[in-house]
C-alpha cells in the first residue's frame, strides 16, 4: 500500500521525470520537521523492529513500479527511536 501511495501521490502532484522521492527512516521528531519543510510527504509508522524489513520491501517493490520513483534512500538501521518511513521530494519545499 505504501508504494502504491507513493506512486499515486507522484502522479497527483505531477512529478516530472527528474523528480522522485527521498525515502528516510526517521524518528517522530524528524518526521514532523520534514513535514513542515516539504510538501507532499508520505509517511507511515512502523514498529522499530520491523522497520528494516519494511524499508527493504518498499525499496524492492518500488523498483517494479516505475523507474525513478525513489531517487534517494537513507538506509534503515536498528535505532529504536526510528519508527517512521517518510518519503518527500527535496525539490518541493513547502512555501
PDB file of N, CA and C in Angstrom:
ATOM      1  N   UNK A   1       0.821  -1.197   0.000  1.00  0.00           N
ATOM      2  CA  UNK A   1       0.000   0.000   0.000  1.00  0.00           C
ATOM      3  C   UNK A   1       0.871   1.269   0.000  1.00  0.00           C
ATOM      4  N   UNK A   2       1.961   1.233   0.743  1.00  0.00           N
ATOM      5  CA  UNK A   2       2.815   2.423   0.838  1.00  0.00           C
ATOM      6  C   UNK A   2       3.399   2.800  -0.524  1.00  0.00           C
ATOM      7  N   UNK A   3       3.889   1.827  -1.252  1.00  0.00           N
ATOM      8  CA  UNK A   3       4.460   2.098  -2.577  1.00  0.00           C
ATOM      9  C   UNK A   3       3.365   2.587  -3.521  1.00  0.00           C
ATOM     10  N   UNK A   4       2.189   2.015  -3.414  1.00  0.00           N
ATOM     11  CA  UNK A   4       1.040   2.452  -4.205  1.00  0.00           C
ATOM     12  C   UNK A   4       0.741   3.928  -3.899  1.00  0.00           C
ATOM     13  N   UNK A   5       0.754   4.302  -2.620  1.00  0.00           N
ATOM     14  CA  UNK A   5       0.531   5.693  -2.223  1.00  0.00           C
ATOM     15  C   UNK A   5       1.609   6.618  -2.789  1.00  0.00           C
ATOM     16  N   UNK A   6       2.865   6.173  -2.768  1.00  0.00           N
ATOM     17  CA  UNK A   6       3.952   6.980  -3.333  1.00  0.00           C
ATOM     18  C   UNK A   6       3.731   7.228  -4.816  1.00  0.00           C
ATOM     19  N   UNK A   7       3.373   6.191  -5.529  1.00  0.00           N
ATOM     20  CA  UNK A   7       3.148   6.295  -6.964  1.00  0.00           C
ATOM     21  C   UNK A   7       1.960   7.215  -7.263  1.00  0.00           C
ATOM     22  N   UNK A   8       0.862   7.035  -6.543  1.00  0.00           N
ATOM     23  CA  UNK A   8      -0.317   7.881  -6.753  1.00  0.00           C
ATOM     24  C   UNK A   8      -0.034   9.339  -6.434  1.00  0.00           C
ATOM     25  N   UNK A   9       0.655   9.586  -5.341  1.00  0.00           N
ATOM     26  CA  UNK A   9       0.975  10.952  -4.938  1.00  0.00           C
ATOM     27  C   UNK A   9       1.883  11.619  -5.969  1.00  0.00           C
ATOM     28  N   UNK A  10       2.867  10.882  -6.476  1.00  0.00           N
ATOM     29  CA  UNK A  10       3.757  11.429  -7.505  1.00  0.00           C
ATOM     30  C   UNK A  10       2.962  11.796  -8.748  1.00  0.00           C
ATOM     31  N   UNK A  11       2.022  10.948  -9.140  1.00  0.00           N
ATOM     32  CA  UNK A  11       1.183  11.241 -10.303  1.00  0.00           C
ATOM     33  C   UNK A  11       0.261  12.423 -10.034  1.00  0.00           C
ATOM     34  N   UNK A  12      -0.340  12.455  -8.858  1.00  0.00           N
ATOM     35  CA  UNK A  12      -1.266  13.525  -8.497  1.00  0.00           C
ATOM     36  C   UNK A  12      -0.589  14.895  -8.487  1.00  0.00           C
ATOM     37  N   UNK A  13       0.633  14.945  -8.023  1.00  0.00           N
ATOM     38  CA  UNK A  13       1.348  16.211  -7.925  1.00  0.00           C
ATOM     39  C   UNK A  13       2.225  16.490  -9.139  1.00  0.00           C
ATOM     40  N   UNK A  14       2.118  15.670 -10.165  1.00  0.00           N
ATOM     41  CA  UNK A  14       2.786  15.924 -11.430  1.00  0.00           C
ATOM     42  C   UNK A  14       4.301  15.898 -11.376  1.00  0.00           C
ATOM     43  N   UNK A  15       4.857  14.918 -10.669  1.00  0.00           N
ATOM     44  CA  UNK A  15       6.313  14.791 -10.634  1.00  0.00           C
ATOM     45  C   UNK A  15       6.829  14.607 -12.062  1.00  0.00           C
ATOM     46  N   UNK A  16       7.884  15.320 -12.382  1.00  0.00           N
ATOM     47  CA  UNK A  16       8.499  15.193 -13.698  1.00  0.00           C
ATOM     48  C   UNK A  16       9.484  14.025 -13.692  1.00  0.00           C
ATOM     49  N   UNK A  17      10.042  13.727 -14.850  1.00  0.00           N
ATOM     50  CA  UNK A  17      10.961  12.589 -14.981  1.00  0.00           C
ATOM     51  C   UNK A  17      12.193  12.723 -14.086  1.00  0.00           C
ATOM     52  N   UNK A  18      12.613  13.953 -13.800  1.00  0.00           N
ATOM     53  CA  UNK A  18      13.806  14.139 -12.961  1.00  0.00           C
ATOM     54  C   UNK A  18      13.467  14.296 -11.477  1.00  0.00           C
ATOM     55  N   UNK A  19      12.203  14.130 -11.118  1.00  0.00           N
ATOM     56  CA  UNK A  19      11.799  14.225  -9.717  1.00  0.00           C
ATOM     57  C   UNK A  19      11.471  12.829  -9.187  1.00  0.00           C
ATOM     58  N   UNK A  20      11.613  12.679  -7.908  1.00  0.00           N
ATOM     59  CA  UNK A  20      11.285  11.417  -7.260  1.00  0.00           C
ATOM     60  C   UNK A  20      11.304  11.599  -5.763  1.00  0.00           C
ATOM     61  N   UNK A  21      11.124  10.527  -5.053  1.00  0.00           N
ATOM     62  CA  UNK A  21      11.069  10.560  -3.597  1.00  0.00           C
ATOM     63  C   UNK A  21      12.434  10.304  -2.986  1.00  0.00           C
ATOM     64  N   UNK A  22      12.652  10.946  -1.872  1.00  0.00           N
ATOM     65  CA  UNK A  22      13.768  10.588  -0.997  1.00  0.00           C
ATOM     66  C   UNK A  22      13.131   9.853   0.168  1.00  0.00           C
ATOM     67  N   UNK A  23      13.586   8.672   0.432  1.00  0.00           N
ATOM     68  CA  UNK A  23      12.995   7.803   1.439  1.00  0.00           C
ATOM     69  C   UNK A  23      13.909   7.741   2.653  1.00  0.00           C
ATOM     70  N   UNK A  24      13.352   8.013   3.845  1.00  0.00           N
ATOM     71  CA  UNK A  24      14.148   8.043   5.071  1.00  0.00           C
ATOM     72  C   UNK A  24      13.447   7.316   6.204  1.00  0.00           C
ATOM     73  N   UNK A  25      14.202   6.586   6.996  1.00  0.00           N
ATOM     74  CA  UNK A  25      13.727   6.032   8.257  1.00  0.00           C
ATOM     75  C   UNK A  25      14.055   7.072   9.320  1.00  0.00           C
ATOM     76  N   UNK A  26      13.025   7.561  10.015  1.00  0.00           N
ATOM     77  CA  UNK A  26      13.222   8.685  10.931  1.00  0.00           C
ATOM     78  C   UNK A  26      12.458   8.500  12.238  1.00  0.00           C
ATOM     79  N   UNK A  27      12.805   9.353  13.195  1.00  0.00           N
ATOM     80  CA  UNK A  27      12.076   9.419  14.461  1.00  0.00           C
ATOM     81  C   UNK A  27      10.846  10.304  14.276  1.00  0.00           C
ATOM     82  N   UNK A  28       9.994  10.343  15.274  1.00  0.00           N
ATOM     83  CA  UNK A  28       8.795  11.174  15.215  1.00  0.00           C
ATOM     84  C   UNK A  28       9.156  12.653  15.086  1.00  0.00           C
ATOM     85  N   UNK A  29      10.176  13.095  15.801  1.00  0.00           N
ATOM     86  CA  UNK A  29      10.605  14.492  15.749  1.00  0.00           C
ATOM     87  C   UNK A  29      11.076  14.868  14.351  1.00  0.00           C
ATOM     88  N   UNK A  30      11.887  14.018  13.747  1.00  0.00           N
ATOM     89  CA  UNK A  30      12.400  14.285  12.391  1.00  0.00           C
ATOM     90  C   UNK A  30      11.268  14.245  11.361  1.00  0.00           C
ATOM     91  N   UNK A  31      10.296  13.345  11.536  1.00  0.00           N
ATOM     92  CA  UNK A  31       9.145  13.274  10.640  1.00  0.00           C
ATOM     93  C   UNK A  31       8.397  14.601  10.619  1.00  0.00           C
ATOM     94  N   UNK A  32       8.176  15.153  11.781  1.00  0.00           N
ATOM     95  CA  UNK A  32       7.470  16.441  11.884  1.00  0.00           C
ATOM     96  C   UNK A  32       8.274  17.539  11.204  1.00  0.00           C
ATOM     97  N   UNK A  33       9.586  17.553  11.391  1.00  0.00           N
ATOM     98  CA  UNK A  33      10.438  18.550  10.724  1.00  0.00           C
ATOM     99  C   UNK A  33      10.327  18.448   9.205  1.00  0.00           C
ATOM    100  N   UNK A  34      10.370  17.229   8.694  1.00  0.00           N
ATOM    101  CA  UNK A  34      10.272  17.022   7.244  1.00  0.00           C
ATOM    102  C   UNK A  34       8.907  17.476   6.732  1.00  0.00           C
ATOM    103  N   UNK A  35       7.846  17.128   7.446  1.00  0.00           N
ATOM    104  CA  UNK A  35       6.501  17.507   7.018  1.00  0.00           C
ATOM    105  C   UNK A  35       6.287  19.019   7.038  1.00  0.00           C
ATOM    106  N   UNK A  36       6.995  19.721   7.911  1.00  0.00           N
ATOM    107  CA  UNK A  36       6.904  21.185   7.948  1.00  0.00           C
ATOM    108  C   UNK A  36       7.738  21.835   6.850  1.00  0.00           C
ATOM    109  N   UNK A  37       8.705  21.108   6.306  1.00  0.00           N
ATOM    110  CA  UNK A  37       9.624  21.677   5.325  1.00  0.00           C
ATOM    111  C   UNK A  37       9.258  21.330   3.878  1.00  0.00           C
ATOM    112  N   UNK A  38       8.641  20.161   3.647  1.00  0.00           N
ATOM    113  CA  UNK A  38       8.367  19.689   2.283  1.00  0.00           C
ATOM    114  C   UNK A  38       6.898  19.312   2.110  1.00  0.00           C
ATOM    115  N   UNK A  39       6.423  19.458   0.868  1.00  0.00           N
ATOM    116  CA  UNK A  39       5.076  19.018   0.532  1.00  0.00           C
ATOM    117  C   UNK A  39       5.067  18.568  -0.905  1.00  0.00           C
ATOM    118  N   UNK A  40       4.562  17.433  -1.207  1.00  0.00           N
ATOM    119  CA  UNK A  40       3.903  16.463  -0.338  1.00  0.00           C
ATOM    120  C   UNK A  40       4.904  15.548   0.371  1.00  0.00           C
ATOM    121  N   UNK A  41       4.438  14.942   1.426  1.00  0.00           N
ATOM    122  CA  UNK A  41       5.184  13.887   2.106  1.00  0.00           C
ATOM    123  C   UNK A  41       4.243  12.694   2.267  1.00  0.00           C
ATOM    124  N   UNK A  42       4.822  11.522   2.334  1.00  0.00           N
ATOM    125  CA  UNK A  42       4.043  10.312   2.584  1.00  0.00           C
ATOM    126  C   UNK A  42       4.772   9.565   3.693  1.00  0.00           C
ATOM    127  N   UNK A  43       4.108   9.407   4.826  1.00  0.00           N
ATOM    128  CA  UNK A  43       4.763   8.739   5.950  1.00  0.00           C
ATOM    129  C   UNK A  43       3.892   7.611   6.493  1.00  0.00           C
ATOM    130  N   UNK A  44       4.565   6.657   7.103  1.00  0.00           N
ATOM    131  CA  UNK A  44       3.880   5.528   7.720  1.00  0.00           C
ATOM    132  C   UNK A  44       4.653   5.143   8.977  1.00  0.00           C
ATOM    133  N   UNK A  45       3.898   4.839  10.033  1.00  0.00           N
ATOM    134  CA  UNK A  45       4.519   4.405  11.277  1.00  0.00           C
ATOM    135  C   UNK A  45       4.695   2.891  11.236  1.00  0.00           C
ATOM    136  N   UNK A  46       5.886   2.459  11.622  1.00  0.00           N
ATOM    137  CA  UNK A  46       6.241   1.043  11.581  1.00  0.00           C
ATOM    138  C   UNK A  46       6.889   0.677  12.915  1.00  0.00           C
ATOM    139  N   UNK A  47       6.619  -0.515  13.397  1.00  0.00           N
ATOM    140  CA  UNK A  47       7.296  -0.969  14.612  1.00  0.00           C
ATOM    141  C   UNK A  47       8.804  -0.939  14.374  1.00  0.00           C
ATOM    142  N   UNK A  48       9.571  -0.409  15.321  1.00  0.00           N
ATOM    143  CA  UNK A  48      11.021  -0.285  15.123  1.00  0.00           C
ATOM    144  C   UNK A  48      11.702  -1.593  14.714  1.00  0.00           C
ATOM    145  N   UNK A  49      11.264  -2.700  15.282  1.00  0.00           N
ATOM    146  CA  UNK A  49      11.894  -3.980  14.940  1.00  0.00           C
ATOM    147  C   UNK A  49      11.532  -4.457  13.531  1.00  0.00           C
ATOM    148  N   UNK A  50      10.499  -3.883  12.920  1.00  0.00           N
ATOM    149  CA  UNK A  50      10.076  -4.249  11.562  1.00  0.00           C
ATOM    150  C   UNK A  50      10.537  -3.235  10.517  1.00  0.00           C
ATOM    151  N   UNK A  51      11.079  -2.118  10.949  1.00  0.00           N
ATOM    152  CA  UNK A  51      11.404  -1.026  10.041  1.00  0.00           C
ATOM    153  C   UNK A  51      12.412  -1.422   8.963  1.00  0.00           C
ATOM    154  N   UNK A  52      13.460  -2.114   9.335  1.00  0.00           N
ATOM    155  CA  UNK A  52      14.471  -2.521   8.353  1.00  0.00           C
ATOM    156  C   UNK A  52      13.889  -3.383   7.251  1.00  0.00           C
ATOM    157  N   UNK A  53      13.084  -4.362   7.625  1.00  0.00           N
ATOM    158  CA  UNK A  53      12.464  -5.246   6.631  1.00  0.00           C
ATOM    159  C   UNK A  53      11.450  -4.491   5.777  1.00  0.00           C
ATOM    160  N   UNK A  54      10.648  -3.656   6.397  1.00  0.00           N
ATOM    161  CA  UNK A  54       9.665  -2.859   5.653  1.00  0.00           C
ATOM    162  C   UNK A  54      10.369  -1.948   4.648  1.00  0.00           C
ATOM    163  N   UNK A  55      11.447  -1.342   5.098  1.00  0.00           N
ATOM    164  CA  UNK A  55      12.259  -0.468   4.255  1.00  0.00           C
ATOM    165  C   UNK A  55      12.735  -1.216   3.007  1.00  0.00           C
ATOM    166  N   UNK A  56      13.263  -2.429   3.200  1.00  0.00           N
ATOM    167  CA  UNK A  56      13.733  -3.245   2.065  1.00  0.00           C
ATOM    168  C   UNK A  56      12.585  -3.619   1.128  1.00  0.00           C
ATOM    169  N   UNK A  57      11.434  -3.966   1.684  1.00  0.00           N
ATOM    170  CA  UNK A  57      10.279  -4.319   0.856  1.00  0.00           C
ATOM    171  C   UNK A  57       9.821  -3.141  -0.005  1.00  0.00           C
ATOM    172  N   UNK A  58       9.767  -1.952   0.584  1.00  0.00           N
ATOM    173  CA  UNK A  58       9.358  -0.757  -0.158  1.00  0.00           C
ATOM    174  C   UNK A  58      10.353  -0.478  -1.277  1.00  0.00           C
ATOM    175  N   UNK A  59      11.625  -0.558  -0.966  1.00  0.00           N
ATOM    176  CA  UNK A  59      12.652  -0.306  -1.971  1.00  0.00           C
ATOM    177  C   UNK A  59      12.550  -1.308  -3.124  1.00  0.00           C
ATOM    178  N   UNK A  60      12.389  -2.587  -2.806  1.00  0.00           N
ATOM    179  CA  UNK A  60      12.278  -3.619  -3.834  1.00  0.00           C
ATOM    180  C   UNK A  60      11.008  -3.457  -4.658  1.00  0.00           C
ATOM    181  N   UNK A  61       9.904  -3.214  -4.003  1.00  0.00           N
ATOM    182  CA  UNK A  61       8.610  -3.084  -4.701  1.00  0.00           C
ATOM    183  C   UNK A  61       8.573  -1.833  -5.572  1.00  0.00           C
ATOM    184  N   UNK A  62       9.172  -0.760  -5.120  1.00  0.00           N
ATOM    185  CA  UNK A  62       9.149   0.480  -5.900  1.00  0.00           C
ATOM    186  C   UNK A  62       9.927   0.332  -7.199  1.00  0.00           C
ATOM    187  N   UNK A  63      10.930  -0.504  -7.197  1.00  0.00           N
ATOM    188  CA  UNK A  63      11.715  -0.740  -8.410  1.00  0.00           C
ATOM    189  C   UNK A  63      10.872  -1.424  -9.480  1.00  0.00           C
ATOM    190  N   UNK A  64       9.847  -2.149  -9.070  1.00  0.00           N
ATOM    191  CA  UNK A  64       8.984  -2.853 -10.015  1.00  0.00           C
ATOM    192  C   UNK A  64       7.934  -1.944 -10.642  1.00  0.00           C
ATOM    193  N   UNK A  65       7.605  -0.841  -9.994  1.00  0.00           N
ATOM    194  CA  UNK A  65       6.526   0.013 -10.475  1.00  0.00           C
ATOM    195  C   UNK A  65       6.936   0.995 -11.552  1.00  0.00           C
ATOM    196  N   UNK A  66       7.834   1.886 -11.205  1.00  0.00           N
ATOM    197  CA  UNK A  66       8.157   2.988 -12.103  1.00  0.00           C
ATOM    198  C   UNK A  66       9.604   3.389 -11.876  1.00  0.00           C
ATOM    199  N   UNK A  67      10.376   3.452 -12.922  1.00  0.00           N
ATOM    200  CA  UNK A  67      11.768   3.858 -12.796  1.00  0.00           C
ATOM    201  C   UNK A  67      11.824   5.282 -12.262  1.00  0.00           C
ATOM    202  N   UNK A  68      12.641   5.491 -11.264  1.00  0.00           N
ATOM    203  CA  UNK A  68      12.832   6.829 -10.739  1.00  0.00           C
ATOM    204  C   UNK A  68      11.860   7.255  -9.672  1.00  0.00           C
ATOM    205  N   UNK A  69      10.950   6.365  -9.206  1.00  0.00           N
ATOM    206  CA  UNK A  69      10.005   6.788  -8.183  1.00  0.00           C
ATOM    207  C   UNK A  69      10.735   7.151  -6.896  1.00  0.00           C
ATOM    208  N   UNK A  70      11.832   6.451  -6.614  1.00  0.00           N
ATOM    209  CA  UNK A  70      12.632   6.769  -5.428  1.00  0.00           C
ATOM    210  C   UNK A  70      14.031   7.127  -5.888  1.00  0.00           C
ATOM    211  N   UNK A  71      14.431   8.363  -5.627  1.00  0.00           N
ATOM    212  CA  UNK A  71      15.742   8.848  -6.046  1.00  0.00           C
ATOM    213  C   UNK A  71      16.824   8.546  -5.035  1.00  0.00           C
ATOM    214  N   UNK A  72      16.489   8.632  -3.767  1.00  0.00           N
ATOM    215  CA  UNK A  72      17.498   8.511  -2.726  1.00  0.00           C
ATOM    216  C   UNK A  72      16.933   7.717  -1.564  1.00  0.00           C
ATOM    217  N   UNK A  73      17.768   6.901  -0.976  1.00  0.00           N
ATOM    218  CA  UNK A  73      17.341   6.060   0.134  1.00  0.00           C
ATOM    219  C   UNK A  73      18.346   6.189   1.270  1.00  0.00           C
ATOM    220  N   UNK A  74      17.862   6.557   2.427  1.00  0.00           N
ATOM    221  CA  UNK A  74      18.680   6.565   3.635  1.00  0.00           C
ATOM    222  C   UNK A  74      18.453   5.225   4.313  1.00  0.00           C
ATOM    223  N   UNK A  75      19.465   4.401   4.380  1.00  0.00           N
ATOM    224  CA  UNK A  75      19.312   3.044   4.891  1.00  0.00           C
ATOM    225  C   UNK A  75      18.780   3.034   6.316  1.00  0.00           C
ATOM    226  N   UNK A  76      17.827   2.150   6.541  1.00  0.00           N
ATOM    227  CA  UNK A  76      17.257   1.983   7.877  1.00  0.00           C
ATOM    228  C   UNK A  76      18.262   1.251   8.750  1.00  0.00           C
ATOM    229  N   UNK A  77      18.337   1.673  10.002  1.00  0.00           N
ATOM    230  CA  UNK A  77      19.195   0.943  10.935  1.00  0.00           C
ATOM    231  C   UNK A  77      18.345   0.456  12.102  1.00  0.00           C
ATOM    232  N   UNK A  78      18.965  -0.009  13.137  1.00  0.00           N
ATOM    233  CA  UNK A  78      18.220  -0.616  14.237  1.00  0.00           C
ATOM    234  C   UNK A  78      17.971   0.347  15.388  1.00  0.00           C
ATOM    235  N   UNK A  79      18.138   1.621  15.181  1.00  0.00           N
ATOM    236  CA  UNK A  79      17.890   2.609  16.232  1.00  0.00           C
ATOM    237  C   UNK A  79      16.432   2.524  16.675  1.00  0.00           C
ATOM    238  N   UNK A  80      16.194   2.347  17.947  1.00  0.00           N
ATOM    239  CA  UNK A  80      14.839   2.177  18.486  1.00  0.00           C
ATOM    240  C   UNK A  80      13.992   3.450  18.348  1.00  0.00           C
ATOM    241  N   UNK A  81      14.619   4.616  18.170  1.00  0.00           N
ATOM    242  CA  UNK A  81      13.858   5.857  18.011  1.00  0.00           C
ATOM    243  C   UNK A  81      13.253   5.984  16.617  1.00  0.00           C
ATOM    244  N   UNK A  82      13.777   5.239  15.667  1.00  0.00           N
ATOM    245  CA  UNK A  82      13.283   5.323  14.297  1.00  0.00           C
ATOM    246  C   UNK A  82      12.035   4.463  14.166  1.00  0.00           C
ATOM    247  N   UNK A  83      10.919   5.109  13.890  1.00  0.00           N
ATOM    248  CA  UNK A  83       9.667   4.356  13.791  1.00  0.00           C
ATOM    249  C   UNK A  83       8.794   4.823  12.634  1.00  0.00           C
ATOM    250  N   UNK A  84       9.307   5.707  11.785  1.00  0.00           N
ATOM    251  CA  UNK A  84       8.551   6.182  10.629  1.00  0.00           C
ATOM    252  C   UNK A  84       9.374   6.007   9.367  1.00  0.00           C
ATOM    253  N   UNK A  85       8.693   5.683   8.293  1.00  0.00           N
ATOM    254  CA  UNK A  85       9.283   5.709   6.974  1.00  0.00           C
ATOM    255  C   UNK A  85       8.633   6.897   6.278  1.00  0.00           C
ATOM    256  N   UNK A  86       9.448   7.880   5.904  1.00  0.00           N
ATOM    257  CA  UNK A  86       8.942   9.124   5.324  1.00  0.00           C
ATOM    258  C   UNK A  86       9.543   9.320   3.940  1.00  0.00           C
ATOM    259  N   UNK A  87       8.675   9.652   2.997  1.00  0.00           N
ATOM    260  CA  UNK A  87       9.111   9.977   1.646  1.00  0.00           C
ATOM    261  C   UNK A  87       8.766  11.438   1.382  1.00  0.00           C
ATOM    262  N   UNK A  88       9.713  12.146   0.778  1.00  0.00           N
ATOM    263  CA  UNK A  88       9.476  13.541   0.396  1.00  0.00           C
ATOM    264  C   UNK A  88      10.289  13.839  -0.850  1.00  0.00           C
ATOM    265  N   UNK A  89       9.914  14.896  -1.531  1.00  0.00           N
ATOM    266  CA  UNK A  89      10.627  15.330  -2.733  1.00  0.00           C
ATOM    267  C   UNK A  89      11.427  16.569  -2.360  1.00  0.00           C
ATOM    268  N   UNK A  90      12.766  16.487  -2.326  1.00  0.00           N
ATOM    269  CA  UNK A  90      13.579  17.626  -1.909  1.00  0.00           C
ATOM    270  C   UNK A  90      13.468  18.826  -2.856  1.00  0.00           C
ATOM    271  N   UNK A  91      12.924  18.617  -4.040  1.00  0.00           N
ATOM    272  CA  UNK A  91      12.737  19.734  -4.983  1.00  0.00           C
ATOM    273  C   UNK A  91      11.420  20.469  -4.753  1.00  0.00           C
ATOM    274  N   UNK A  92      10.647  20.039  -3.760  1.00  0.00           N
ATOM    275  CA  UNK A  92       9.343  20.650  -3.496  1.00  0.00           C
ATOM    276  C   UNK A  92       9.229  21.108  -2.040  1.00  0.00           C
ATOM    277  N   UNK A  93       9.925  22.182  -1.706  1.00  0.00           N
ATOM    278  CA  UNK A  93       9.816  22.705  -0.330  1.00  0.00           C
ATOM    279  C   UNK A  93       8.441  23.329  -0.114  1.00  0.00           C
ATOM    280  N   UNK A  94       7.992  23.308   1.115  1.00  0.00           N
ATOM    281  CA  UNK A  94       6.741  23.946   1.497  1.00  0.00           C
ATOM    282  C   UNK A  94       6.952  25.437   1.502  1.00  0.00           C
ATOM    283  N   UNK A  95       6.070  26.165   0.903  1.00  0.00           N
ATOM    284  CA  UNK A  95       6.253  27.623   0.814  1.00  0.00           C
ATOM    285  C   UNK A  95       5.467  28.353   1.825  1.00  0.00           C
TER     286      UNK A  95
END
